[in-house]
Protein backbone atom coordinates (compact mmCIF):
# COMPACT_ATOMS: atom_id res chain seq x y z
CA MET A 1 81.60 -42.54 -47.06
CA SER A 2 84.31 -40.78 -48.26
CA ASN A 3 86.44 -42.15 -45.31
CA VAL A 4 85.91 -45.93 -46.71
CA LYS A 5 87.86 -45.40 -49.74
CA THR A 6 91.11 -44.17 -47.72
CA ARG A 7 90.97 -47.25 -45.23
CA LYS A 8 93.70 -49.59 -45.18
CA LEU A 9 92.27 -52.42 -42.84
CA PHE A 10 88.79 -51.83 -42.00
CA GLY A 11 86.05 -52.21 -45.09
CA THR A 12 82.37 -51.45 -44.26
CA ASP A 13 82.12 -54.50 -41.74
CA GLY A 14 85.32 -54.69 -40.11
CA ILE A 15 88.70 -56.23 -41.33
CA ARG A 16 88.37 -59.08 -43.20
CA GLY A 17 90.38 -61.48 -45.27
CA VAL A 18 91.66 -64.91 -45.87
CA ALA A 19 92.72 -66.30 -42.07
CA GLY A 20 96.55 -66.25 -41.81
CA LYS A 21 97.14 -63.57 -44.37
CA ALA A 22 97.36 -60.23 -44.02
CA PRO A 23 95.32 -58.47 -42.80
CA LEU A 24 94.83 -61.41 -40.91
CA ASP A 25 97.89 -62.18 -40.05
CA ALA A 26 99.06 -63.08 -36.32
CA THR A 27 100.98 -59.48 -36.29
CA THR A 28 98.31 -57.59 -37.38
CA ILE A 29 95.99 -59.16 -35.32
CA TYR A 30 97.85 -59.05 -32.43
CA ALA A 31 98.67 -55.26 -33.09
CA THR A 32 94.53 -54.69 -33.19
CA GLY A 33 94.47 -56.30 -29.92
CA LEU A 34 97.18 -53.63 -28.74
CA ALA A 35 95.35 -50.61 -30.48
CA ILE A 36 92.22 -51.16 -28.86
CA GLY A 37 93.19 -51.86 -25.72
CA HIS A 38 95.39 -48.53 -25.80
CA SER A 39 92.14 -46.97 -27.41
CA LEU A 40 90.00 -48.28 -24.50
CA ARG A 41 92.75 -47.38 -21.61
CA ARG A 42 92.36 -43.45 -22.56
CA THR A 43 88.93 -43.27 -21.32
CA SER A 44 88.97 -46.22 -18.45
CA ALA A 45 91.85 -47.36 -16.41
CA GLU A 46 90.60 -50.88 -16.21
CA PRO A 47 89.11 -51.40 -19.85
CA ARG A 48 86.91 -54.69 -20.14
CA VAL A 49 86.43 -56.56 -23.45
CA ILE A 50 84.00 -59.49 -24.44
CA LEU A 51 84.81 -61.55 -27.13
CA GLY A 52 82.81 -63.48 -29.39
CA ARG A 53 83.47 -65.98 -32.29
CA ASP A 54 81.77 -68.07 -35.23
CA THR A 55 82.74 -71.69 -36.00
CA ARG A 56 85.46 -71.26 -38.31
CA GLU A 57 88.79 -73.37 -37.61
CA SER A 58 90.87 -70.42 -37.51
CA SER A 59 88.54 -68.43 -34.90
CA PRO A 60 90.18 -69.83 -32.14
CA TRP A 61 93.81 -69.06 -32.91
CA ILE A 62 92.60 -65.61 -33.86
CA ALA A 63 90.61 -65.11 -30.78
CA ALA A 64 93.73 -66.00 -28.80
CA THR A 65 95.95 -63.73 -30.82
CA LEU A 66 93.41 -61.14 -30.08
CA ALA A 67 93.19 -61.23 -26.43
CA ALA A 68 96.85 -61.54 -25.91
CA GLY A 69 96.95 -58.05 -27.73
CA LEU A 70 94.21 -56.87 -25.70
CA ARG A 71 95.89 -58.11 -22.45
CA GLU A 72 99.04 -56.82 -23.02
CA ALA A 73 97.54 -53.29 -23.38
CA GLY A 74 95.74 -53.46 -20.29
CA ALA A 75 92.49 -54.62 -20.70
CA ALA A 76 90.58 -57.48 -19.09
CA VAL A 77 89.08 -60.07 -21.47
CA GLU A 78 85.93 -62.08 -21.28
CA SER A 79 84.67 -64.66 -23.90
CA ALA A 80 80.98 -65.51 -24.94
CA GLY A 81 82.48 -68.39 -27.10
CA ILE A 82 80.69 -69.30 -30.28
CA VAL A 83 77.77 -66.69 -30.32
CA PRO A 84 75.95 -64.75 -33.19
CA THR A 85 77.45 -61.44 -33.81
CA PRO A 86 74.42 -59.19 -32.40
CA ALA A 87 74.88 -61.10 -29.22
CA VAL A 88 78.18 -59.47 -28.61
CA ALA A 89 76.38 -56.17 -29.31
CA PHE A 90 74.12 -57.14 -26.55
CA LEU A 91 76.28 -58.47 -24.15
CA ALA A 92 78.48 -55.56 -24.23
CA ARG A 93 76.03 -52.86 -23.57
CA GLN A 94 74.06 -55.22 -20.98
CA HIS A 95 77.13 -56.37 -19.07
CA LYS A 96 78.87 -52.76 -19.28
CA PHE A 97 81.88 -53.60 -21.25
CA HIS A 98 83.64 -51.25 -22.61
CA ALA A 99 83.99 -52.90 -26.01
CA GLY A 100 82.72 -56.21 -28.07
CA VAL A 101 84.98 -57.72 -30.36
CA VAL A 102 83.35 -60.41 -32.95
CA ILE A 103 85.80 -63.00 -34.63
CA SER A 104 83.84 -63.59 -38.01
CA ALA A 105 83.33 -63.30 -41.74
CA SER A 106 79.92 -63.25 -41.52
CA HIS A 107 78.55 -65.09 -45.41
CA ASN A 108 82.30 -65.47 -46.62
CA PRO A 109 83.77 -68.97 -46.82
CA TRP A 110 85.33 -70.93 -44.07
CA HIS A 111 89.07 -69.68 -45.43
CA ASP A 112 88.34 -66.38 -44.64
CA ASN A 113 87.59 -64.56 -41.33
CA GLY A 114 87.55 -60.98 -40.19
CA ILE A 115 87.10 -58.90 -37.09
CA LYS A 116 84.62 -56.90 -36.13
CA LEU A 117 84.17 -54.01 -33.03
CA PHE A 118 81.65 -52.72 -31.09
CA GLY A 119 81.49 -49.75 -28.40
CA GLY A 120 79.92 -50.46 -25.16
CA ASP A 121 77.05 -48.97 -26.58
CA GLY A 122 76.51 -51.75 -28.52
CA PHE A 123 76.74 -50.18 -31.76
CA LYS A 124 79.38 -50.38 -34.62
CA LEU A 125 82.18 -47.77 -34.06
CA PRO A 126 81.49 -44.84 -36.17
CA ASP A 127 84.28 -44.56 -39.46
CA ASP A 128 86.57 -41.71 -37.61
CA VAL A 129 86.87 -44.35 -34.41
CA GLU A 130 87.66 -46.89 -36.73
CA LEU A 131 90.23 -44.81 -38.85
CA ALA A 132 92.00 -43.78 -35.49
CA ILE A 133 92.21 -47.33 -34.28
CA GLU A 134 93.84 -48.55 -37.89
CA ASP A 135 96.52 -45.79 -37.78
CA GLU A 136 97.52 -47.43 -34.43
CA ILE A 137 97.22 -50.74 -35.60
CA LEU A 138 99.71 -49.88 -38.37
CA HIS A 139 102.09 -48.62 -35.92
CA HIS A 140 101.90 -51.28 -33.68
CA ALA A 141 102.44 -53.88 -36.23
CA SER A 142 105.53 -52.41 -37.40
CA VAL A 143 107.08 -52.49 -33.95
CA ALA A 144 105.56 -54.81 -31.56
CA THR A 145 107.03 -58.02 -30.94
CA VAL A 146 104.21 -60.92 -31.48
CA PRO A 147 103.78 -63.88 -29.55
CA ASP A 148 103.62 -67.32 -31.70
CA PRO A 149 99.60 -68.19 -31.92
CA THR A 150 100.32 -71.66 -31.35
CA THR A 151 101.97 -70.96 -27.87
CA LEU A 152 98.86 -68.99 -26.71
CA PRO A 153 96.34 -70.18 -23.79
CA ALA A 154 92.75 -70.67 -25.46
CA VAL A 155 90.19 -67.99 -24.28
CA THR A 156 87.93 -69.21 -21.58
CA ASP A 157 83.83 -68.86 -22.89
CA SER A 158 81.27 -68.63 -20.21
CA ALA A 159 78.18 -70.51 -20.82
CA LEU A 160 76.54 -67.78 -18.51
CA LEU A 161 76.53 -65.62 -21.27
CA HIS A 162 74.66 -67.60 -23.97
CA ALA A 163 71.76 -67.76 -21.46
CA ASP A 164 71.62 -64.34 -21.22
CA TYR A 165 71.19 -63.80 -24.87
CA VAL A 166 68.47 -66.08 -25.57
CA ASP A 167 66.66 -64.74 -22.59
CA PHE A 168 67.12 -61.39 -24.12
CA LEU A 169 65.71 -62.65 -27.51
CA ILE A 170 62.58 -64.41 -26.00
CA SER A 171 61.95 -60.94 -23.97
CA CYS A 172 61.59 -59.34 -27.29
CA VAL A 173 58.44 -61.49 -28.24
CA PRO A 174 56.54 -61.65 -24.93
CA GLY A 175 53.87 -64.59 -24.76
CA LEU A 176 55.11 -65.93 -28.46
CA ARG A 177 54.49 -69.59 -28.49
CA LEU A 178 55.09 -71.78 -32.17
CA ASN A 179 52.50 -74.53 -30.89
CA GLN A 180 50.79 -73.97 -34.46
CA LEU A 181 53.47 -73.94 -36.73
CA HIS A 182 56.37 -76.43 -38.31
CA ILE A 183 59.43 -74.73 -39.15
CA VAL A 184 62.57 -75.77 -41.00
CA ALA A 185 65.74 -73.44 -39.72
CA ASP A 186 68.81 -73.62 -41.42
CA CYS A 187 71.53 -72.39 -39.16
CA ALA A 188 74.58 -72.67 -41.91
CA ASN A 189 76.92 -74.64 -39.29
CA GLY A 190 77.32 -71.06 -38.10
CA ALA A 191 76.99 -69.23 -35.09
CA ALA A 192 73.40 -69.66 -34.82
CA ALA A 193 73.94 -73.50 -34.38
CA ALA A 194 75.19 -72.66 -30.85
CA ILE A 195 71.97 -70.75 -29.80
CA ALA A 196 69.14 -72.01 -32.21
CA PRO A 197 68.52 -75.41 -30.35
CA GLU A 198 67.56 -73.66 -26.79
CA LEU A 199 65.84 -70.79 -28.43
CA PHE A 200 63.52 -72.91 -30.04
CA LYS A 201 63.22 -75.58 -27.62
CA ARG A 202 61.65 -72.57 -25.27
CA LEU A 203 59.39 -71.58 -27.62
CA GLY A 204 57.88 -74.76 -28.32
CA GLY A 205 56.16 -75.78 -32.10
CA ASP A 206 57.52 -78.29 -34.46
CA VAL A 207 61.20 -76.88 -35.24
CA THR A 208 63.40 -78.54 -37.72
CA LEU A 209 67.19 -77.63 -37.19
CA LEU A 210 69.36 -78.25 -40.23
CA ASN A 211 73.15 -77.54 -40.34
CA ILE A 212 73.97 -77.35 -36.97
CA ALA A 213 77.11 -79.85 -36.96
CA PRO A 214 80.08 -77.41 -37.62
CA ASP A 215 82.94 -78.47 -38.59
CA GLY A 216 85.21 -75.51 -38.99
CA HIS A 217 85.24 -76.05 -42.71
CA ASN A 218 81.66 -76.14 -43.58
CA ILE A 219 80.39 -72.68 -42.25
CA ASN A 220 77.72 -71.30 -45.23
CA ASP A 221 78.91 -74.31 -47.39
CA HIS A 222 75.94 -74.22 -49.73
CA CYS A 223 73.57 -73.30 -47.01
CA GLY A 224 72.55 -70.26 -44.95
CA ALA A 225 71.28 -67.13 -46.20
CA LEU A 226 72.96 -67.12 -49.17
CA HIS A 227 71.62 -70.31 -50.31
CA PRO A 228 67.69 -69.91 -49.63
CA GLU A 229 67.02 -72.30 -52.33
CA TRP A 230 68.23 -74.99 -49.92
CA VAL A 231 66.00 -74.71 -47.24
CA ALA A 232 63.09 -73.67 -49.46
CA ALA A 233 63.17 -77.21 -50.90
CA GLU A 234 63.28 -78.69 -47.23
CA VAL A 235 60.17 -76.80 -46.37
CA MET A 236 58.31 -78.29 -49.32
CA LYS A 237 59.96 -81.75 -48.74
CA ARG A 238 58.89 -81.66 -45.09
CA GLY A 239 55.10 -80.30 -45.88
CA ALA A 240 56.37 -77.29 -43.26
CA ASN A 241 54.74 -73.47 -42.85
CA LEU A 242 57.96 -71.61 -42.71
CA GLY A 243 61.43 -71.72 -43.56
CA LEU A 244 64.18 -69.32 -41.84
CA THR A 245 67.84 -69.21 -42.67
CA PHE A 246 70.35 -67.71 -41.40
CA ASP A 247 74.27 -66.68 -42.64
CA GLY A 248 77.45 -67.68 -40.72
CA ASP A 249 77.46 -65.20 -37.79
CA ALA A 250 73.45 -64.92 -37.89
CA ASP A 251 73.18 -61.19 -38.14
CA ARG A 252 70.63 -61.59 -41.21
CA CYS A 253 67.91 -63.98 -41.92
CA MET A 254 65.93 -64.93 -44.91
CA LEU A 255 62.41 -66.76 -45.10
CA THR A 256 61.11 -68.89 -47.47
CA GLY A 257 57.32 -70.00 -47.65
CA ALA A 258 55.28 -73.19 -47.98
CA GLN A 259 55.53 -73.49 -51.70
CA ASN A 260 59.19 -72.71 -52.47
CA ASN A 261 59.04 -69.20 -52.32
CA ILE A 262 62.06 -67.21 -51.44
CA ILE A 263 61.24 -64.15 -48.91
CA ASN A 264 64.17 -61.62 -48.64
CA GLY A 265 65.02 -58.76 -46.83
CA ASP A 266 62.54 -56.45 -48.79
CA ALA A 267 59.54 -58.70 -48.02
CA ILE A 268 60.58 -58.83 -44.18
CA LEU A 269 60.77 -54.62 -44.01
CA LEU A 270 57.42 -54.53 -46.10
CA MET A 271 55.55 -56.91 -43.30
CA ALA A 272 57.24 -54.97 -40.60
CA ALA A 273 56.58 -51.70 -41.68
CA ARG A 274 52.97 -52.06 -42.23
CA ASP A 275 52.74 -53.74 -38.48
CA LEU A 276 54.55 -50.85 -36.71
CA LYS A 277 52.58 -48.75 -38.51
CA GLU A 278 49.07 -50.44 -37.48
CA ARG A 279 50.80 -50.02 -33.80
CA VAL A 280 51.34 -46.48 -34.29
CA LEU A 281 55.13 -47.41 -33.78
CA LEU A 282 56.50 -46.45 -37.30
CA THR A 283 57.88 -42.86 -36.65
CA GLY A 284 57.36 -40.86 -39.43
CA ASN A 285 55.79 -43.47 -41.46
CA VAL A 286 59.75 -43.70 -43.03
CA VAL A 287 61.47 -46.97 -43.34
CA VAL A 288 65.26 -46.87 -44.81
CA ALA A 289 66.55 -49.27 -47.26
CA THR A 290 69.38 -49.27 -49.43
CA THR A 291 70.31 -49.02 -53.23
CA MET A 292 69.98 -52.56 -53.51
CA SER A 293 66.21 -52.90 -52.32
CA ASN A 294 63.79 -53.51 -55.41
CA MET A 295 61.46 -50.73 -56.67
CA GLY A 296 58.67 -53.24 -56.13
CA LEU A 297 59.31 -52.76 -52.41
CA GLU A 298 59.29 -48.60 -52.71
CA ALA A 299 55.74 -49.04 -54.66
CA ALA A 300 54.41 -51.39 -51.98
CA LEU A 301 55.35 -49.35 -49.17
CA LYS A 302 53.69 -46.10 -50.56
CA ARG A 303 50.54 -47.77 -51.36
CA SER A 304 50.40 -48.25 -47.34
CA GLY A 305 51.35 -44.63 -46.87
CA ILE A 306 55.04 -45.03 -46.00
CA ARG A 307 58.09 -43.40 -47.54
CA MET A 308 61.06 -44.84 -48.24
CA LEU A 309 64.77 -43.75 -48.20
CA ARG A 310 67.26 -45.30 -49.62
CA ALA A 311 70.85 -45.21 -47.77
CA PRO A 312 74.33 -46.77 -49.33
CA VAL A 313 74.53 -50.76 -48.76
CA GLY A 314 76.05 -51.37 -45.40
CA ASP A 315 73.92 -51.59 -42.41
CA ARG A 316 76.14 -49.01 -40.73
CA TYR A 317 74.98 -46.44 -43.63
CA VAL A 318 71.21 -47.55 -43.03
CA LEU A 319 71.79 -46.88 -39.36
CA GLU A 320 73.10 -43.72 -39.72
CA GLN A 321 70.17 -42.47 -41.95
CA MET A 322 67.66 -44.11 -39.70
CA GLN A 323 69.40 -41.93 -36.92
CA GLN A 324 68.99 -38.86 -38.97
CA HIS A 325 65.25 -39.49 -39.86
CA HIS A 326 64.23 -41.27 -36.30
CA ALA A 327 63.20 -44.00 -38.18
CA ALA A 328 62.16 -47.17 -36.35
CA LEU A 329 62.90 -49.74 -39.21
CA GLY A 330 65.46 -50.41 -41.65
CA GLY A 331 67.29 -52.62 -43.41
CA GLU A 332 68.86 -54.45 -46.46
CA GLN A 333 67.76 -56.77 -49.24
CA SER A 334 69.92 -59.74 -47.70
CA GLY A 335 68.10 -59.72 -44.61
CA HIS A 336 70.14 -57.50 -42.02
CA ILE A 337 67.30 -55.77 -40.65
CA LEU A 338 67.43 -52.77 -37.95
CA PHE A 339 64.59 -52.59 -35.23
CA PRO A 340 66.36 -49.92 -32.79
CA HIS A 341 63.20 -50.20 -30.70
CA LEU A 342 64.98 -53.89 -29.74
CA ALA A 343 68.55 -53.98 -30.28
CA THR A 344 71.44 -51.95 -31.49
CA THR A 345 72.37 -54.11 -34.67
CA GLY A 346 71.00 -56.54 -37.31
CA ASP A 347 70.05 -59.53 -35.69
CA GLY A 348 68.79 -62.93 -37.78
CA LEU A 349 67.31 -65.01 -34.72
CA LEU A 350 65.55 -61.71 -33.51
CA THR A 351 64.26 -60.67 -37.18
CA ALA A 352 62.74 -64.53 -37.08
CA LEU A 353 61.02 -64.14 -33.97
CA VAL A 354 59.54 -60.93 -34.61
CA VAL A 355 58.08 -62.27 -37.87
CA LEU A 356 57.07 -65.48 -36.66
CA ASP A 357 55.43 -62.76 -33.68
CA LEU A 358 53.56 -61.33 -36.42
CA ILE A 359 52.36 -64.46 -38.31
CA ALA A 360 51.09 -65.92 -34.79
CA ARG A 361 49.48 -62.21 -34.04
CA SER A 362 47.68 -61.63 -37.29
CA GLY A 363 47.05 -65.57 -38.12
CA LYS A 364 48.00 -65.03 -41.86
CA SER A 365 50.73 -66.84 -43.34
CA VAL A 366 54.06 -64.65 -45.26
CA GLU A 367 52.36 -65.29 -48.72
CA ASP A 368 49.25 -63.25 -47.49
CA LEU A 369 51.66 -60.62 -45.64
CA THR A 370 53.34 -59.73 -48.77
CA ALA A 371 50.78 -60.95 -51.67
CA ASP A 372 51.01 -57.32 -53.18
CA LEU A 373 54.70 -56.86 -53.45
CA LYS A 374 55.25 -57.09 -57.01
CA VAL A 375 58.80 -57.62 -57.64
CA PHE A 376 60.62 -55.83 -60.77
CA PRO A 377 63.06 -58.03 -62.41
CA GLN A 378 66.39 -57.46 -60.98
CA VAL A 379 69.66 -59.06 -61.91
CA ILE A 380 73.19 -58.90 -59.76
CA VAL A 381 76.26 -59.93 -61.45
CA ASN A 382 79.54 -60.21 -59.52
CA VAL A 383 82.56 -59.43 -61.35
CA LYS A 384 86.40 -60.67 -59.57
CA VAL A 385 88.74 -57.21 -59.74
CA ARG A 386 92.38 -56.76 -59.02
CA GLU A 387 91.83 -53.17 -57.57
CA LYS A 388 88.89 -50.85 -56.57
CA LYS A 389 89.57 -48.00 -59.29
CA PRO A 390 86.63 -45.60 -59.36
CA LEU A 391 84.42 -46.69 -62.16
CA THR A 392 83.41 -43.35 -63.47
CA GLU A 393 87.44 -42.73 -64.29
CA ILE A 394 87.04 -45.89 -66.59
CA PRO A 395 85.74 -44.36 -69.96
CA ALA A 396 84.55 -47.63 -71.16
CA VAL A 397 82.85 -48.64 -67.88
CA ALA A 398 81.42 -45.10 -67.69
CA LYS A 399 79.89 -45.23 -71.12
CA ALA A 400 78.36 -48.46 -70.41
CA ILE A 401 76.83 -47.33 -67.31
CA ARG A 402 75.35 -44.10 -69.37
CA ALA A 403 73.84 -46.24 -71.96
CA ALA A 404 71.80 -48.31 -69.28
CA GLU A 405 70.54 -45.46 -67.42
CA ASP A 406 69.76 -43.43 -70.51
CA GLU A 407 67.74 -46.41 -72.06
CA LEU A 408 66.00 -47.41 -68.71
CA ALA A 409 65.48 -44.13 -67.15
CA ASP A 410 62.38 -44.01 -65.23
CA THR A 411 61.63 -47.62 -65.85
CA GLY A 412 64.70 -49.24 -64.21
CA ARG A 413 67.35 -48.52 -61.98
CA VAL A 414 71.40 -48.95 -61.90
CA VAL A 415 73.64 -49.41 -59.47
CA ILE A 416 77.31 -50.47 -59.81
CA ARG A 417 79.23 -50.58 -56.66
CA TYR A 418 82.33 -52.53 -55.17
CA SER A 419 81.96 -54.88 -52.43
CA GLY A 420 83.12 -53.79 -49.03
CA THR A 421 84.18 -57.18 -47.69
CA GLU A 422 85.22 -58.73 -50.97
CA ALA A 423 87.37 -58.08 -54.26
CA LEU A 424 84.28 -57.68 -56.37
CA ALA A 425 82.74 -55.25 -58.34
CA ARG A 426 78.73 -55.98 -58.25
CA VAL A 427 76.26 -55.03 -61.35
CA MET A 428 73.20 -54.65 -60.32
CA ILE A 429 70.35 -53.69 -62.98
CA GLU A 430 66.54 -53.75 -62.18
CA ALA A 431 63.98 -52.88 -64.69
CA GLU A 432 60.50 -53.57 -66.05
CA SER A 433 61.87 -55.22 -69.12
CA GLY A 434 63.92 -58.61 -68.05
CA SER A 435 65.60 -58.46 -71.74
CA ALA A 436 67.14 -54.64 -71.47
CA MET A 437 68.35 -55.54 -67.58
CA GLN A 438 70.18 -58.61 -69.03
CA ARG A 439 71.83 -57.09 -71.93
CA HIS A 440 72.74 -54.11 -69.91
CA ALA A 441 74.20 -56.09 -66.65
CA GLU A 442 76.35 -58.04 -68.98
CA SER A 443 77.59 -55.05 -70.95
CA ILE A 444 78.81 -53.22 -67.88
CA ALA A 445 79.97 -56.12 -66.14
CA ALA A 446 82.33 -57.24 -69.67
CA ALA A 447 83.63 -53.79 -69.52
CA ILE A 448 84.66 -54.24 -65.94
CA ARG A 449 86.08 -57.54 -66.60
CA LYS A 450 87.74 -56.32 -69.20
CA GLU A 451 89.44 -53.07 -67.58
CA LEU A 452 89.79 -54.31 -63.73
CA GLY A 453 89.41 -58.39 -63.78
CA VAL A 454 91.37 -60.84 -62.31
């Protein structure tokens, strides 16, 4: 984790920013292609790279600029077109590409974009590899002659790669049919919109797909995994059994039940952990969550004889701890769930299918499967910041945090961190007492706002 603080371009999930502005200006994007290509040429004379992108207006020109840099460095480039981030991870591994690159800013608004990297094994690159590539990007950006993005040809997409990914998803849940369920799925006008229609058509059932008409600007716009209340209302209105909602690049999934109830990643982890344990697939009876997961999940898992470990926020850090403990399940409250026996990275569509398969096999609803999950009151306050100075070095902020920790002690948790992808400080308080939770959250947020606020 210490390396993250020294990064100039990469955050916890690739390079991200406003499209057209540093670090997502044409110069840096082209230099990124050069750096990736040169890095791959050290181990392969003819490296092959697969690209994928989401539905943002800027994604095509970013893909074309990146591809130009890759080709200039001697790499061959193929494009899967608009696909979920985990599809690129799968396809890189399945078709023996040397690397996979995704153009996406995940859950961010349309004007943002990003570049995510995968190795040929389908895993996100380790910190030290990203840092080495970052150094090379900065070098190339200072010396390279960058082509005008408007003059570059668009990358050619392959529909066959879409079909391979759908086949893979269905293979993960053999025999699953959705004939007895009415499902509402919100595709966030993002990458899931390119895959979900064919996927759910093949699985049968009564599936209503919403937000599947991306226009370059409406990705994540008051829909998707960051707004599960929207699909929850649709489920109630339509009398459906279950709601599914994905983020812009479809690497996470949130659920909603039939009674306007939201089922987040913690509840998904609980359901999946118990199912894996029952089938003797939960190695070591351990699950890896993050510092943001609710204390109620930890208590419910403990009642089932399952130990919960906490990793820093970010799926790469969850995966690192899973690998250390040989864990078969891990994930985040945000709905980013890792099933290493099935895939190398979090996959929202795969998560949805795993839950639907569990419902089909058990004959129970998601409400039944999570009935004993008693969630501690939790609040998250986001504070826009102008810089990410260590919070322990700011006396007023440190004092407010200590006051919260001292009062809550064993009856709550205090987690303060910077977002890895946005200029935000996140203040999370969890406590048995709702009033104490709100009071301390506002106190800490106010101190951060005063010292570092925009």
